Amino acid sequence: PALRRLSHYLLAHYQKGTRPVRDWRTTTNVAIDLMVYAILSVDEKNQVLTTYIWYRQHWTDEFLRWDPARFDNLTQISLPVESIWVPDILINEFVDVGKSPHVPYVYVGHHGEVQNLKPIQVMTACSLDIYNFPFDVQNCSLTFTSWLHHIRDINLSLWRQPELVKFDRSVFMNQGEWELLYVLSRFQEFSVKSSDSYAEMKFYVVIRRRPLFYTVSLLLPSIFLMVMDIVGFYLPPNSGERVSFKITLLLGYSVFLIIVSDTLPATAVGTPLIGIYFVVCMALLVISLTETILIVRLVHKQDLQPHVPDWVKRLLLERAAVLLCIRDRKKFSRSRTQSSDISRQVENNDSTAKLNYYGCEDPRECQTAGGARPAPAFAGQVEGSPLMRGVLREIAAIRQFLEKREEFRDVAREWLQVGYVLDVLLFRAYLAAVLAYSVTLGTLWSVWRDA
């Protein structure tokens, strides 16, 4: 049969240990091609990229030529790869032998063209930059070169045009976490310490992570917790519930960080921006809790506090209130003063009525007199009685107690008003910081995603 006769003809006197050229000065040109089939895994901690590629080699073997007319017009034959010379082209970034299937044959044409086609699982070292996680783009190189032969013996070239290699996604499995953007190719010569030069063909595999899963599982819960922290400022500061609410949010965010700590990529070089985002959010929650404790301290147990200093009144109740557009401040102060004056008038009238009532010995005299004052002599006798002096002392004590309580209420109202103004001021500053932080991160991530 033609296949057996041709195989015996080609391999009978073939020497696979030497480079297949009749003139040793002739350079063997090896054309290579690469097609990315799948991105299997990206190990950020160990800086290892695992890909599955379809690799093709093409070179000319001068000792594997024949006349097709002598062998039943046979122009192509498959030969065992162990029986012929194969160039020692390796990948410089190899870190481990993958589970690649073994292809035992190569195709040989009647002009000596040898085609070696094989799939390879490649585990290569790659400098992974995770700062932009989960909107990161990784650029990993695969460098094909002859480990022994210099460029005068084996030269490398690209099988197809660079434009065809760049956007070829015909065999790529586009269902995983990573998306293939393009594959760049570049030829260069490499030499070490003025030694012989070696030919290198570099393929840059540029991949991008799909951020939808991480956005849903990491960013949205954090955003919801921060929104609830902002909503918590609408709780009254003197109710006492705001502190417990903020502490609950802080504990919930701590549990959330413990859960997502295994999801975040970790390297010894740097920290992703989303990790810094979580730390800053935790710091904002702590600042919010500190602000709440300060406000509650101001508005709670004001009876034990001194009067509000004048500089605090000028700074917060006048300038800050105007700056924050708090319009009901003067009305609140006016109503407070009016209520104080009314209470004092009621107390004065009440004490005067009691004095007039106790000043009449006979009720009929008070009625006939129509509420007129008694005679001076009689008034002097009544005023000198021990009972009347005791009543007057009790009324004076009650009056002093009411005035003291009203003074405490004034102090409490002032501190409560200071607390409310300061709460509004700190809330708006906190809200501005959160919005600025969110806009900055959103802008950065959108720019990186669309870059």
Protein backbone atom coordinates (compact mmCIF):
# COMPACT_ATOMS: atom_id res chain seq x y z
CA PRO A 1 0.00 0.00 0.00
CA ALA A 2 1.08 3.57 -0.73
CA LEU A 3 1.00 4.73 2.90
CA ARG A 4 3.25 1.92 4.10
CA ARG A 5 5.66 2.25 1.22
CA LEU A 6 5.90 6.01 1.75
CA SER A 7 6.35 5.69 5.51
CA HIS A 8 9.11 3.10 5.04
CA TYR A 9 10.71 5.28 2.35
CA LEU A 10 10.77 8.36 4.59
CA LEU A 11 11.82 6.79 7.90
CA ALA A 12 14.17 4.01 6.71
CA HIS A 13 17.32 6.15 6.88
CA TYR A 14 15.96 9.15 8.81
CA GLN A 15 18.08 10.59 11.64
CA LYS A 16 15.85 12.44 14.09
CA GLY A 17 18.72 13.58 16.28
CA THR A 18 20.00 16.27 13.91
CA ARG A 19 18.40 19.37 12.47
CA PRO A 20 16.84 18.43 9.08
CA VAL A 21 18.88 20.61 6.68
CA ARG A 22 21.32 19.54 3.97
CA ASP A 23 23.47 22.63 4.49
CA TRP A 24 24.18 23.41 8.14
CA ARG A 25 24.20 27.13 7.32
CA THR A 26 20.52 26.98 6.40
CA THR A 27 18.21 28.35 9.08
CA THR A 28 15.12 26.36 9.98
CA ASN A 29 12.16 28.73 10.03
CA VAL A 30 9.38 27.67 12.39
CA ALA A 31 6.02 29.40 11.97
CA ILE A 32 3.80 29.25 15.05
CA ASP A 33 0.20 30.12 15.76
CA LEU A 34 -1.95 30.32 18.87
CA MET A 35 -5.68 30.26 19.53
CA VAL A 36 -7.06 30.71 23.05
CA TYR A 37 -9.73 28.13 23.84
CA ALA A 38 -10.52 28.86 27.50
CA ILE A 39 -9.34 30.73 30.60
CA LEU A 40 -9.36 28.03 33.26
CA SER A 41 -8.23 29.88 36.37
CA VAL A 42 -6.46 33.00 37.60
CA ASP A 43 -4.60 32.56 40.88
CA GLU A 44 -3.94 36.08 42.17
CA LYS A 45 -2.13 34.94 45.29
CA ASN A 46 0.44 32.78 43.45
CA GLN A 47 0.41 34.96 40.31
CA VAL A 48 -0.40 32.02 38.03
CA LEU A 49 -2.61 32.00 34.94
CA THR A 50 -3.99 28.71 33.61
CA THR A 51 -5.18 28.75 30.00
CA TYR A 52 -6.11 26.15 27.42
CA ILE A 53 -4.77 26.95 23.95
CA TRP A 54 -4.65 25.40 20.50
CA TYR A 55 -1.03 25.55 19.41
CA ARG A 56 0.26 25.01 15.85
CA GLN A 57 3.78 24.70 14.47
CA HIS A 58 4.94 24.61 10.89
CA TRP A 59 8.46 24.04 9.54
CA THR A 60 10.21 22.47 6.54
CA ASP A 61 12.05 19.15 6.85
CA GLU A 62 14.39 18.69 3.87
CA PHE A 63 14.63 14.91 4.42
CA LEU A 64 10.87 14.32 4.29
CA ARG A 65 10.24 15.01 0.59
CA TRP A 66 8.93 12.67 -2.10
CA ASP A 67 7.43 12.55 -5.56
CA PRO A 68 3.66 11.98 -5.29
CA ALA A 69 3.61 10.19 -8.67
CA ARG A 70 5.66 7.33 -7.23
CA PHE A 71 3.26 6.82 -4.30
CA ASP A 72 -0.21 6.84 -5.87
CA ASN A 73 -0.38 10.67 -5.92
CA LEU A 74 -0.15 10.79 -2.12
CA THR A 75 0.64 14.39 -1.07
CA GLN A 76 0.24 14.18 2.70
CA ILE A 77 0.95 11.61 5.36
CA SER A 78 0.79 11.41 9.16
CA LEU A 79 3.91 10.22 10.93
CA PRO A 80 4.65 9.50 14.60
CA VAL A 81 5.99 12.57 16.34
CA GLU A 82 8.61 10.43 18.12
CA SER A 83 10.10 9.34 14.77
CA ILE A 84 11.04 12.75 13.36
CA TRP A 85 12.89 15.85 14.43
CA VAL A 86 10.77 18.38 16.34
CA PRO A 87 12.01 21.86 17.34
CA ASP A 88 12.59 22.40 21.05
CA ILE A 89 10.23 25.35 21.36
CA LEU A 90 9.03 25.97 24.90
CA ILE A 91 7.14 28.68 26.81
CA ASN A 92 9.37 30.72 29.06
CA GLU A 93 6.61 31.43 31.59
CA PHE A 94 5.89 27.74 32.30
CA VAL A 95 5.56 27.05 36.03
CA ASP A 96 3.88 23.64 36.00
CA VAL A 97 3.05 20.86 33.57
CA GLY A 98 -0.64 20.97 32.80
CA LYS A 99 -2.95 18.10 31.96
CA SER A 100 -2.52 18.38 28.21
CA PRO A 101 -3.65 15.57 25.90
CA HIS A 102 -0.92 13.82 23.95
CA VAL A 103 -1.17 14.00 20.15
CA PRO A 104 1.12 11.26 18.74
CA TYR A 105 1.17 12.30 15.08
CA VAL A 106 2.18 15.15 12.79
CA TYR A 107 1.19 15.87 9.21
CA VAL A 108 3.92 15.92 6.56
CA GLY A 109 3.50 17.30 3.01
CA HIS A 110 5.35 16.10 -0.06
CA HIS A 111 7.47 19.29 -0.11
CA GLY A 112 8.65 18.61 3.44
CA GLU A 113 6.17 20.86 5.25
CA VAL A 114 5.56 19.52 8.75
CA GLN A 115 2.48 20.62 10.73
CA ASN A 116 2.38 19.90 14.43
CA LEU A 117 -1.08 20.67 15.86
CA LYS A 118 -1.80 20.09 19.54
CA PRO A 119 -3.88 21.48 22.43
CA ILE A 120 -1.95 22.58 25.51
CA GLN A 121 -3.02 23.41 29.03
CA VAL A 122 -0.64 26.20 29.97
CA MET A 123 0.15 27.16 33.57
CA THR A 124 2.25 30.28 33.34
CA ALA A 125 3.54 32.97 35.67
CA CYS A 126 1.87 36.31 35.15
CA SER A 127 2.14 39.66 36.89
CA LEU A 128 -1.48 40.16 37.94
CA ASP A 129 -2.61 43.64 38.94
CA ILE A 130 -5.73 43.40 41.13
CA TYR A 131 -5.96 47.03 42.18
CA ASN A 132 -8.99 47.60 39.94
CA PHE A 133 -10.81 44.45 41.08
CA PRO A 134 -13.54 43.55 40.06
CA PHE A 135 -13.09 45.75 36.98
CA ASP A 136 -9.54 44.61 36.31
CA VAL A 137 -7.93 43.82 32.97
CA GLN A 138 -5.00 41.40 32.95
CA ASN A 139 -2.26 41.24 30.34
CA CYS A 140 -0.32 37.96 30.44
CA SER A 141 2.39 36.99 28.00
CA LEU A 142 3.26 33.61 26.47
CA THR A 143 6.81 33.65 25.12
CA PHE A 144 7.70 30.88 22.65
CA THR A 145 11.39 30.35 22.05
CA SER A 146 13.91 27.63 21.31
CA TRP A 147 15.61 26.64 24.53
CA LEU A 148 18.86 25.53 22.87
CA HIS A 149 19.14 26.72 19.26
CA HIS A 150 20.08 30.32 18.59
CA ILE A 151 18.57 32.43 15.86
CA ARG A 152 21.03 31.23 13.19
CA ASP A 153 19.71 27.70 13.60
CA ILE A 154 16.02 28.22 14.37
CA ASN A 155 14.12 31.38 13.58
CA LEU A 156 10.51 32.03 14.52
CA SER A 157 7.73 33.69 12.59
CA LEU A 158 3.98 34.11 12.78
CA TRP A 159 1.83 31.67 10.84
CA ARG A 160 -1.04 34.11 10.28
CA GLN A 161 -1.28 37.87 10.05
CA PRO A 162 -1.19 39.72 13.43
CA GLU A 163 -4.62 41.23 12.75
CA LEU A 164 -6.14 37.76 12.31
CA VAL A 165 -4.55 36.52 15.53
CA LYS A 166 -5.58 39.61 17.53
CA PHE A 167 -9.37 39.31 17.28
CA ASP A 168 -9.73 35.57 16.72
CA ARG A 169 -12.36 34.31 19.17
CA SER A 170 -13.68 31.53 16.98
CA VAL A 171 -12.81 28.76 19.45
CA PHE A 172 -12.93 30.70 22.71
CA MET A 173 -15.39 29.41 25.31
CA ASN A 174 -17.03 32.68 26.38
CA GLN A 175 -18.96 31.43 29.40
CA GLY A 176 -16.58 31.80 32.36
CA GLU A 177 -15.56 34.59 34.66
CA TRP A 178 -13.03 36.02 32.23
CA GLU A 179 -13.61 37.54 28.82
CA LEU A 180 -10.97 37.47 26.08
CA LEU A 181 -10.37 40.94 24.66
CA TYR A 182 -7.58 40.30 22.16
CA VAL A 183 -4.27 38.53 21.62
CA LEU A 184 -1.29 40.62 20.58
CA SER A 185 1.79 39.12 18.92
CA ARG A 186 5.33 40.45 18.66
CA PHE A 187 8.66 39.06 17.47
CA GLN A 188 11.92 39.99 19.17
CA GLU A 189 15.49 38.80 19.62
CA PHE A 190 16.78 37.92 23.05
CA SER A 191 20.36 37.64 24.25
CA VAL A 192 22.06 37.31 27.63
CA LYS A 193 25.40 39.01 28.33
CA SER A 194 26.49 39.43 24.70
CA SER A 195 25.93 35.78 23.91
CA ASP A 196 24.16 34.39 20.87
CA SER A 197 20.73 35.79 20.14
CA TYR A 198 17.59 33.72 20.39
CA ALA A 199 14.36 34.26 18.51
CA GLU A 200 11.26 34.89 20.61
CA MET A 201 7.62 35.13 19.64
CA LYS A 202 5.49 36.79 22.33
CA PHE A 203 1.73 36.48 22.56
CA TYR A 204 0.01 38.89 24.94
CA VAL A 205 -3.30 37.47 26.12
CA VAL A 206 -5.46 40.36 27.34
CA ILE A 207 -8.45 39.29 29.43
CA ARG A 208 -11.09 41.17 31.42
CA ARG A 209 -13.06 40.02 34.44
CA ARG A 210 -16.85 40.07 34.33
CA PRO A 211 -17.84 42.20 37.36
CA LEU A 212 -21.57 41.39 37.62
CA PHE A 213 -21.22 38.67 40.26
CA TYR A 214 -18.93 40.75 42.47
CA THR A 215 -21.11 43.83 42.05
CA VAL A 216 -24.18 41.95 43.27
CA SER A 217 -22.49 40.03 46.08
CA LEU A 218 -20.02 42.65 47.34
CA LEU A 219 -20.88 46.19 46.35
CA LEU A 220 -24.68 46.22 46.64
CA PRO A 221 -24.85 44.87 50.25
CA SER A 222 -22.26 47.42 51.32
CA ILE A 223 -24.18 50.21 49.58
CA PHE A 224 -27.42 49.13 51.26
CA LEU A 225 -25.80 49.19 54.70
CA MET A 226 -24.38 52.65 54.08
CA VAL A 227 -27.80 53.91 52.92
CA MET A 228 -29.36 52.57 56.12
CA ASP A 229 -26.67 54.36 58.11
CA ILE A 230 -27.62 57.63 56.40
CA VAL A 231 -31.32 56.99 57.01
CA GLY A 232 -30.53 56.40 60.69
CA PHE A 233 -29.74 60.11 61.07
CA TYR A 234 -33.46 60.84 60.82
CA LEU A 235 -34.06 59.16 64.17
CA PRO A 236 -34.49 61.77 66.95
CA PRO A 237 -31.16 62.20 68.73
CA ASN A 238 -32.80 62.38 72.16
CA SER A 239 -34.76 59.13 71.75
CA GLY A 240 -31.82 56.85 72.56
CA GLU A 241 -32.56 54.46 69.69
CA ARG A 242 -30.04 55.90 67.28
CA VAL A 243 -27.00 54.60 69.16
CA SER A 244 -28.29 51.03 69.26
CA PHE A 245 -29.26 51.26 65.58
CA LYS A 246 -25.76 52.45 64.58
CA ILE A 247 -24.09 49.74 66.68
CA THR A 248 -26.27 47.10 65.01
CA LEU A 249 -25.23 48.40 61.57
CA LEU A 250 -21.56 48.35 62.58
CA LEU A 251 -21.82 44.75 63.79
CA GLY A 252 -23.67 43.75 60.62
CA TYR A 253 -20.98 45.32 58.45
CA SER A 254 -18.27 43.49 60.43
CA VAL A 255 -20.02 40.16 59.80
CA PHE A 256 -20.35 41.09 56.13
CA LEU A 257 -16.60 41.73 55.87
CA ILE A 258 -15.84 38.37 57.49
CA ILE A 259 -18.06 36.62 54.95
CA VAL A 260 -16.58 38.34 51.87
CA SER A 261 -12.95 38.14 53.01
CA ASP A 262 -12.49 34.83 51.16
CA THR A 263 -13.91 36.29 47.95
CA LEU A 264 -11.45 39.15 47.69
CA PRO A 265 -8.20 38.34 45.88
CA ALA A 266 -5.11 38.59 48.04
CA THR A 267 -1.54 39.28 46.96
CA ALA A 268 1.64 40.15 48.78
CA VAL A 269 2.20 43.16 46.53
CA GLY A 270 -0.92 45.29 46.93
CA THR A 271 -4.52 45.54 48.04
CA PRO A 272 -7.44 45.94 45.65
CA LEU A 273 -9.32 49.19 45.69
CA ILE A 274 -12.51 47.46 46.80
CA GLY A 275 -10.71 46.38 50.00
CA ILE A 276 -9.85 50.02 50.67
CA TYR A 277 -13.48 50.85 49.91
CA PHE A 278 -14.68 48.42 52.59
CA VAL A 279 -12.21 49.79 55.14
CA VAL A 280 -13.29 53.37 54.44
CA CYS A 281 -16.96 52.36 54.75
CA MET A 282 -16.18 50.78 58.11
CA ALA A 283 -14.42 53.98 59.16
CA LEU A 284 -17.43 56.03 58.05
CA LEU A 285 -19.71 53.85 60.16
CA VAL A 286 -17.42 54.37 63.17
CA ILE A 287 -17.41 58.14 62.57
CA SER A 288 -21.20 58.08 62.31
CA LEU A 289 -21.46 56.20 65.61
CA THR A 290 -19.05 58.65 67.27
CA GLU A 291 -21.09 61.60 66.03
CA THR A 292 -24.27 60.01 67.36
CA ILE A 293 -22.72 59.46 70.78
CA LEU A 294 -21.61 63.12 70.86
CA ILE A 295 -25.08 64.39 69.98
CA VAL A 296 -26.80 62.11 72.49
CA ARG A 297 -24.38 63.33 75.15
CA LEU A 298 -25.35 66.93 74.40
CA VAL A 299 -29.11 66.44 74.47
CA HIS A 300 -29.28 63.99 77.39
CA LYS A 301 -29.42 65.11 81.05
CA GLN A 302 -29.09 68.78 80.29
CA ASP A 303 -30.02 69.66 83.89
CA LEU A 304 -26.54 68.69 84.97
CA GLN A 305 -24.85 70.89 82.38
CA PRO A 306 -23.96 74.58 82.64
CA HIS A 307 -25.32 77.27 80.38
CA VAL A 308 -24.37 77.18 76.72
CA PRO A 309 -21.29 79.36 76.16
CA ASP A 310 -21.79 82.54 74.20
CA TRP A 311 -19.33 81.56 71.48
CA VAL A 312 -21.25 78.32 70.92
CA LYS A 313 -24.49 80.29 70.59
CA ARG A 314 -22.93 82.67 68.08
CA LEU A 315 -21.26 79.90 66.10
CA LEU A 316 -24.05 77.32 66.00
CA LEU A 317 -27.35 79.04 66.79
CA GLU A 318 -26.68 82.08 64.61
CA ARG A 319 -24.12 81.46 61.86
CA ALA A 320 -24.55 77.71 61.43
CA ALA A 321 -28.33 77.97 61.59
CA VAL A 322 -28.32 80.57 58.81
CA LEU A 323 -25.85 78.49 56.78
CA LEU A 324 -27.96 75.35 57.16
CA CYS A 325 -31.20 77.26 56.42
CA ILE A 326 -32.83 76.36 59.75
CA ARG A 327 -35.74 78.82 59.70
CA ASP A 328 -37.61 77.85 62.89
CA ARG A 329 -34.76 78.73 65.27
CA LYS A 330 -36.01 82.25 66.15
CA LYS A 331 -39.58 81.09 66.41
CA PHE A 332 -38.52 78.34 68.77
CA SER A 333 -36.61 80.80 70.95
CA ARG A 334 -39.51 83.30 70.93
CA SER A 335 -42.08 80.71 71.95
CA ARG A 336 -39.78 79.57 74.72
CA THR A 337 -39.50 83.12 76.11
CA GLN A 338 -43.24 83.70 75.89
CA SER A 339 -44.03 80.48 77.72
CA SER A 340 -41.56 81.45 80.46
CA ASP A 341 -43.20 84.88 80.88
CA ILE A 342 -46.70 83.41 80.95
CA SER A 343 -45.73 80.85 83.60
CA ARG A 344 -44.23 83.60 85.74
CA GLN A 345 -47.37 85.75 85.44
CA VAL A 346 -49.51 82.80 86.43
CA GLU A 347 -47.33 82.18 89.47
CA ASN A 348 -47.50 85.86 90.52
CA ASN A 349 -51.27 85.99 90.16
CA ASP A 350 -51.65 82.72 91.99
CA SER A 351 -49.53 83.83 94.92
CA THR A 352 -51.32 87.21 95.13
CA ALA A 353 -54.72 85.50 95.17
CA LYS A 354 -53.56 83.23 97.95
CA LEU A 355 -52.33 86.18 100.00
CA ASN A 356 -55.63 88.02 99.60
CA TYR A 357 -57.55 84.90 100.52
CA TYR A 358 -55.63 84.29 103.68
CA GLY A 359 -55.75 88.00 104.57
CA CYS A 360 -59.57 87.90 105.16
CA GLU A 361 -60.61 86.60 108.57
CA ASP A 362 -64.29 86.54 107.68
CA PRO A 363 -65.35 85.47 104.21
CA ARG A 364 -68.40 87.68 104.35
CA GLU A 365 -66.17 90.69 104.83
CA CYS A 366 -64.23 89.75 101.72
CA GLN A 367 -67.43 89.39 99.75
CA THR A 368 -68.95 92.67 100.94
CA ALA A 369 -65.72 94.49 100.37
CA GLY A 370 -65.69 93.20 96.77
CA GLY A 371 -62.13 92.12 96.98
CA ALA A 372 -61.01 95.42 98.48
CA ARG A 373 -57.99 95.59 100.69
CA PRO A 374 -58.58 95.19 104.46
CA ALA A 375 -57.84 97.94 106.90
CA PRO A 376 -54.21 98.63 107.59
CA ALA A 377 -54.49 97.80 111.22
CA PHE A 378 -56.11 94.51 110.54
CA ALA A 379 -53.50 93.72 107.85
CA GLY A 380 -50.72 94.42 110.28
CA GLN A 381 -52.21 92.03 112.78
CA VAL A 382 -52.59 89.31 110.16
CA GLU A 383 -49.10 89.79 108.82
CA GLY A 384 -47.66 89.39 112.24
CA SER A 385 -49.30 86.04 112.90
CA PRO A 386 -47.02 82.93 112.75
CA LEU A 387 -49.36 81.15 110.36
CA MET A 388 -49.11 83.88 107.78
CA ARG A 389 -45.34 84.03 108.00
CA GLY A 390 -45.14 80.27 107.39
CA VAL A 391 -47.44 80.54 104.40
CA LEU A 392 -45.33 83.30 102.93
CA ARG A 393 -42.15 81.26 103.41
CA GLU A 394 -43.73 78.26 101.68
CA ILE A 395 -44.93 80.41 98.78
CA ALA A 396 -41.45 81.94 98.41
CA ALA A 397 -39.89 78.46 98.37
CA ILE A 398 -42.37 77.31 95.75
CA ARG A 399 -41.64 80.42 93.70
CA GLN A 400 -37.89 79.83 93.95
CA PHE A 401 -38.31 76.18 93.00
CA LEU A 402 -40.40 77.06 89.93
CA GLU A 403 -37.90 79.68 88.82
CA LYS A 404 -35.03 77.21 89.25
CA ARG A 405 -36.89 74.55 87.30
CA GLU A 406 -37.65 77.03 84.54
CA GLU A 407 -33.98 77.95 84.44
CA PHE A 408 -33.07 74.27 84.09
CA ARG A 409 -35.61 73.96 81.31
CA ASP A 410 -34.06 76.95 79.53
CA VAL A 411 -30.63 75.33 79.77
CA ALA A 412 -32.06 72.04 78.50
CA ARG A 413 -33.76 73.79 75.58
CA GLU A 414 -30.56 75.59 74.66
CA TRP A 415 -28.49 72.41 74.70
CA LEU A 416 -31.20 70.56 72.78
CA GLN A 417 -31.21 73.27 70.16
CA VAL A 418 -27.40 73.18 69.98
CA GLY A 419 -27.58 69.41 69.62
CA TYR A 420 -30.09 69.58 66.77
CA VAL A 421 -28.10 72.20 64.87
CA LEU A 422 -24.86 70.29 65.37
CA ASP A 423 -26.60 67.07 64.32
CA VAL A 424 -27.79 68.64 61.08
CA LEU A 425 -24.34 70.10 60.43
CA LEU A 426 -22.51 66.80 60.99
CA PHE A 427 -25.14 64.86 59.04
CA ARG A 428 -24.74 67.05 55.98
CA ALA A 429 -20.95 66.91 56.21
CA TYR A 430 -21.15 63.11 56.54
CA LEU A 431 -23.56 62.90 53.61
CA ALA A 432 -21.28 65.07 51.46
CA ALA A 433 -18.28 62.86 52.30
CA VAL A 434 -20.20 59.67 51.45
CA LEU A 435 -21.47 61.11 48.17
CA ALA A 436 -18.04 62.39 47.15
CA TYR A 437 -16.50 59.03 48.00
CA SER A 438 -19.18 57.15 46.04
CA VAL A 439 -18.91 59.42 42.99
CA THR A 440 -15.12 59.09 42.97
CA LEU A 441 -15.19 55.30 43.13
CA GLY A 442 -18.00 55.06 40.59
CA THR A 443 -16.12 57.29 38.16
CA LEU A 444 -12.89 55.33 38.55
CA TRP A 445 -14.58 51.96 38.08
CA SER A 446 -16.59 53.16 35.08
CA VAL A 447 -13.44 54.53 33.44
CA TRP A 448 -11.55 51.28 34.06
CA ARG A 449 -14.45 49.18 32.82
CA ASP A 450 -14.79 51.10 29.56
CA ALA A 451 -11.05 51.51 28.99
